[in-house]
Amino acid sequence: MNKVSNNMITINKDVQCEFLMTTMEEIVPKDSLFRKIDKYIDFNFIYDEVKDLYSESNEDRVLIL
């Protein structure tokens, strides 16, 4: 194992970091129950129900409890 240590931080040079990006369209099967529910129920009402729990600033999207 190839590790570099500097008291506060350890870096493992043998581990490759990878960022994967995908969409729900790619993950959820076409015949999934979730797709059927989504087709018939409009869940947009949830945004109004929870909007008071979030910051109004676009830069600060933190849940306020």
N, C-alpha and C. Protein backbone atom coordinates (compact mmCIF):
# COMPACT_ATOMS: atom_id res chain seq x y z
N MET A 1 0.85 -1.18 0.00
CA MET A 1 0.00 0.00 0.00
C MET A 1 0.89 1.24 0.00
N ASN A 2 0.57 2.19 -0.82
CA ASN A 2 1.37 3.39 -1.01
C ASN A 2 0.68 4.55 -0.29
N LYS A 3 1.09 4.82 0.96
CA LYS A 3 0.47 5.90 1.74
C LYS A 3 1.49 6.99 2.05
N VAL A 4 1.01 8.22 2.01
CA VAL A 4 1.82 9.37 2.39
C VAL A 4 1.14 9.99 3.60
N SER A 5 1.91 10.23 4.65
CA SER A 5 1.32 10.77 5.87
C SER A 5 2.03 12.05 6.27
N ASN A 6 1.23 13.02 6.71
CA ASN A 6 1.77 14.30 7.16
C ASN A 6 1.03 14.68 8.43
N ASN A 7 1.24 13.98 9.51
CA ASN A 7 0.64 14.20 10.82
C ASN A 7 -0.89 14.29 10.80
N MET A 8 -1.45 15.23 10.08
CA MET A 8 -2.89 15.49 10.12
C MET A 8 -3.66 14.77 9.02
N ILE A 9 -2.99 14.39 7.95
CA ILE A 9 -3.70 13.81 6.82
C ILE A 9 -2.93 12.62 6.26
N THR A 10 -3.69 11.62 5.85
CA THR A 10 -3.09 10.45 5.21
C THR A 10 -3.70 10.31 3.83
N ILE A 11 -2.85 10.20 2.83
CA ILE A 11 -3.30 10.07 1.45
C ILE A 11 -2.94 8.68 0.97
N ASN A 12 -3.94 7.95 0.52
CA ASN A 12 -3.71 6.62 -0.02
C ASN A 12 -3.63 6.75 -1.54
N LYS A 13 -2.42 6.63 -2.08
CA LYS A 13 -2.22 6.82 -3.51
C LYS A 13 -2.65 5.61 -4.33
N ASP A 14 -2.99 4.50 -3.68
CA ASP A 14 -3.44 3.31 -4.39
C ASP A 14 -4.93 3.34 -4.70
N VAL A 15 -5.65 4.26 -4.09
CA VAL A 15 -7.09 4.34 -4.28
C VAL A 15 -7.40 5.39 -5.34
N GLN A 16 -8.15 4.99 -6.32
CA GLN A 16 -8.54 5.91 -7.38
C GLN A 16 -9.90 6.51 -7.03
N CYS A 17 -9.99 7.81 -7.06
CA CYS A 17 -11.25 8.48 -6.81
C CYS A 17 -12.02 8.57 -8.12
N GLU A 18 -13.30 8.34 -8.03
CA GLU A 18 -14.11 8.35 -9.24
C GLU A 18 -15.45 9.00 -8.93
N PHE A 19 -15.91 9.82 -9.81
CA PHE A 19 -17.19 10.49 -9.66
C PHE A 19 -18.12 9.96 -10.75
N LEU A 20 -19.24 9.41 -10.33
CA LEU A 20 -20.22 8.87 -11.28
C LEU A 20 -21.48 9.72 -11.23
N MET A 21 -22.03 9.98 -12.38
CA MET A 21 -23.25 10.75 -12.45
C MET A 21 -24.28 9.94 -13.22
N THR A 22 -25.47 9.86 -12.68
CA THR A 22 -26.53 9.11 -13.34
C THR A 22 -27.87 9.78 -13.08
N THR A 23 -28.90 9.30 -13.72
CA THR A 23 -30.24 9.84 -13.52
C THR A 23 -31.16 8.72 -13.05
N MET A 24 -32.28 9.11 -12.50
CA MET A 24 -33.26 8.11 -12.08
C MET A 24 -33.78 7.33 -13.28
N GLU A 25 -33.81 7.94 -14.43
CA GLU A 25 -34.25 7.25 -15.65
C GLU A 25 -33.36 6.05 -15.94
N GLU A 26 -32.10 6.19 -15.63
CA GLU A 26 -31.15 5.10 -15.89
C GLU A 26 -31.22 4.00 -14.82
N ILE A 27 -31.65 4.36 -13.63
CA ILE A 27 -31.61 3.43 -12.51
C ILE A 27 -32.92 2.66 -12.32
N VAL A 28 -34.04 3.37 -12.42
CA VAL A 28 -35.34 2.76 -12.12
C VAL A 28 -35.87 2.01 -13.34
N PRO A 29 -36.18 0.74 -13.19
CA PRO A 29 -36.70 -0.04 -14.32
C PRO A 29 -38.00 0.55 -14.88
N LYS A 30 -38.20 0.39 -16.18
CA LYS A 30 -39.38 0.96 -16.86
C LYS A 30 -40.69 0.44 -16.29
N ASP A 31 -40.72 -0.79 -15.81
CA ASP A 31 -41.96 -1.37 -15.30
C ASP A 31 -42.08 -1.28 -13.78
N SER A 32 -41.28 -0.43 -13.17
CA SER A 32 -41.26 -0.29 -11.72
C SER A 32 -42.57 0.31 -11.18
N LEU A 33 -42.96 -0.13 -10.01
CA LEU A 33 -44.13 0.43 -9.33
C LEU A 33 -43.94 1.92 -9.09
N PHE A 34 -42.72 2.34 -8.82
CA PHE A 34 -42.44 3.76 -8.58
C PHE A 34 -42.77 4.62 -9.80
N ARG A 35 -42.47 4.13 -10.97
CA ARG A 35 -42.82 4.87 -12.19
C ARG A 35 -44.33 4.97 -12.37
N LYS A 36 -45.04 3.90 -12.04
CA LYS A 36 -46.50 3.91 -12.16
C LYS A 36 -47.11 4.91 -11.19
N ILE A 37 -46.62 4.93 -9.97
CA ILE A 37 -47.11 5.88 -8.98
C ILE A 37 -46.81 7.31 -9.43
N ASP A 38 -45.60 7.54 -9.89
CA ASP A 38 -45.19 8.86 -10.33
C ASP A 38 -46.03 9.35 -11.52
N LYS A 39 -46.45 8.44 -12.34
CA LYS A 39 -47.25 8.80 -13.51
C LYS A 39 -48.63 9.35 -13.12
N TYR A 40 -49.20 8.85 -12.04
CA TYR A 40 -50.57 9.21 -11.67
C TYR A 40 -50.70 10.16 -10.49
N ILE A 41 -49.63 10.35 -9.75
CA ILE A 41 -49.69 11.23 -8.58
C ILE A 41 -48.70 12.38 -8.76
N ASP A 42 -49.20 13.59 -8.65
CA ASP A 42 -48.35 14.77 -8.75
C ASP A 42 -47.82 15.11 -7.35
N PHE A 43 -46.55 14.91 -7.14
CA PHE A 43 -45.94 15.14 -5.83
C PHE A 43 -45.41 16.56 -5.66
N ASN A 44 -45.68 17.44 -6.58
CA ASN A 44 -45.19 18.82 -6.48
C ASN A 44 -45.72 19.56 -5.27
N PHE A 45 -46.83 19.10 -4.71
CA PHE A 45 -47.40 19.76 -3.53
C PHE A 45 -46.41 19.70 -2.35
N ILE A 46 -45.51 18.76 -2.37
CA ILE A 46 -44.56 18.60 -1.27
C ILE A 46 -43.67 19.83 -1.13
N TYR A 47 -43.32 20.46 -2.24
CA TYR A 47 -42.47 21.65 -2.19
C TYR A 47 -43.11 22.74 -1.33
N ASP A 48 -44.41 22.96 -1.49
CA ASP A 48 -45.10 23.96 -0.68
C ASP A 48 -45.17 23.54 0.79
N GLU A 49 -45.30 22.26 1.02
CA GLU A 49 -45.40 21.76 2.39
C GLU A 49 -44.10 21.93 3.19
N VAL A 50 -42.97 21.87 2.51
CA VAL A 50 -41.68 21.91 3.23
C VAL A 50 -40.88 23.19 3.00
N LYS A 51 -41.38 24.10 2.21
CA LYS A 51 -40.58 25.29 1.86
C LYS A 51 -40.17 26.10 3.08
N ASP A 52 -40.96 26.11 4.15
CA ASP A 52 -40.61 26.86 5.34
C ASP A 52 -39.47 26.21 6.13
N LEU A 53 -39.12 24.99 5.79
CA LEU A 53 -38.05 24.30 6.48
C LEU A 53 -36.68 24.58 5.86
N TYR A 54 -36.67 25.26 4.73
CA TYR A 54 -35.42 25.53 4.02
C TYR A 54 -35.13 27.02 3.95
N SER A 55 -33.87 27.33 3.84
CA SER A 55 -33.43 28.72 3.72
C SER A 55 -33.95 29.30 2.41
N GLU A 56 -34.24 30.58 2.40
CA GLU A 56 -34.71 31.25 1.18
C GLU A 56 -33.58 31.59 0.23
N SER A 57 -32.37 31.61 0.73
CA SER A 57 -31.21 31.94 -0.09
C SER A 57 -30.89 30.78 -1.03
N ASN A 58 -30.70 31.09 -2.31
CA ASN A 58 -30.35 30.05 -3.27
C ASN A 58 -28.96 29.47 -3.01
N GLU A 59 -28.07 30.24 -2.41
CA GLU A 59 -26.73 29.75 -2.13
C GLU A 59 -26.70 28.84 -0.92
N ASP A 60 -27.71 28.95 -0.07
CA ASP A 60 -27.71 28.24 1.20
C ASP A 60 -28.92 27.31 1.28
N ARG A 61 -28.81 26.15 0.70
CA ARG A 61 -29.93 25.20 0.67
C ARG A 61 -29.81 24.22 1.83
N VAL A 62 -29.97 24.74 3.02
CA VAL A 62 -29.80 23.94 4.22
C VAL A 62 -31.16 23.78 4.89
N LEU A 63 -31.43 22.55 5.33
CA LEU A 63 -32.65 22.28 6.07
C LEU A 63 -32.59 22.99 7.41
N ILE A 64 -33.61 23.78 7.72
CA ILE A 64 -33.67 24.53 8.98
C ILE A 64 -34.61 23.80 9.91
N LEU A 65 -34.07 23.31 11.01
CA LEU A 65 -34.89 22.59 12.00
C LEU A 65 -35.06 23.40 13.24
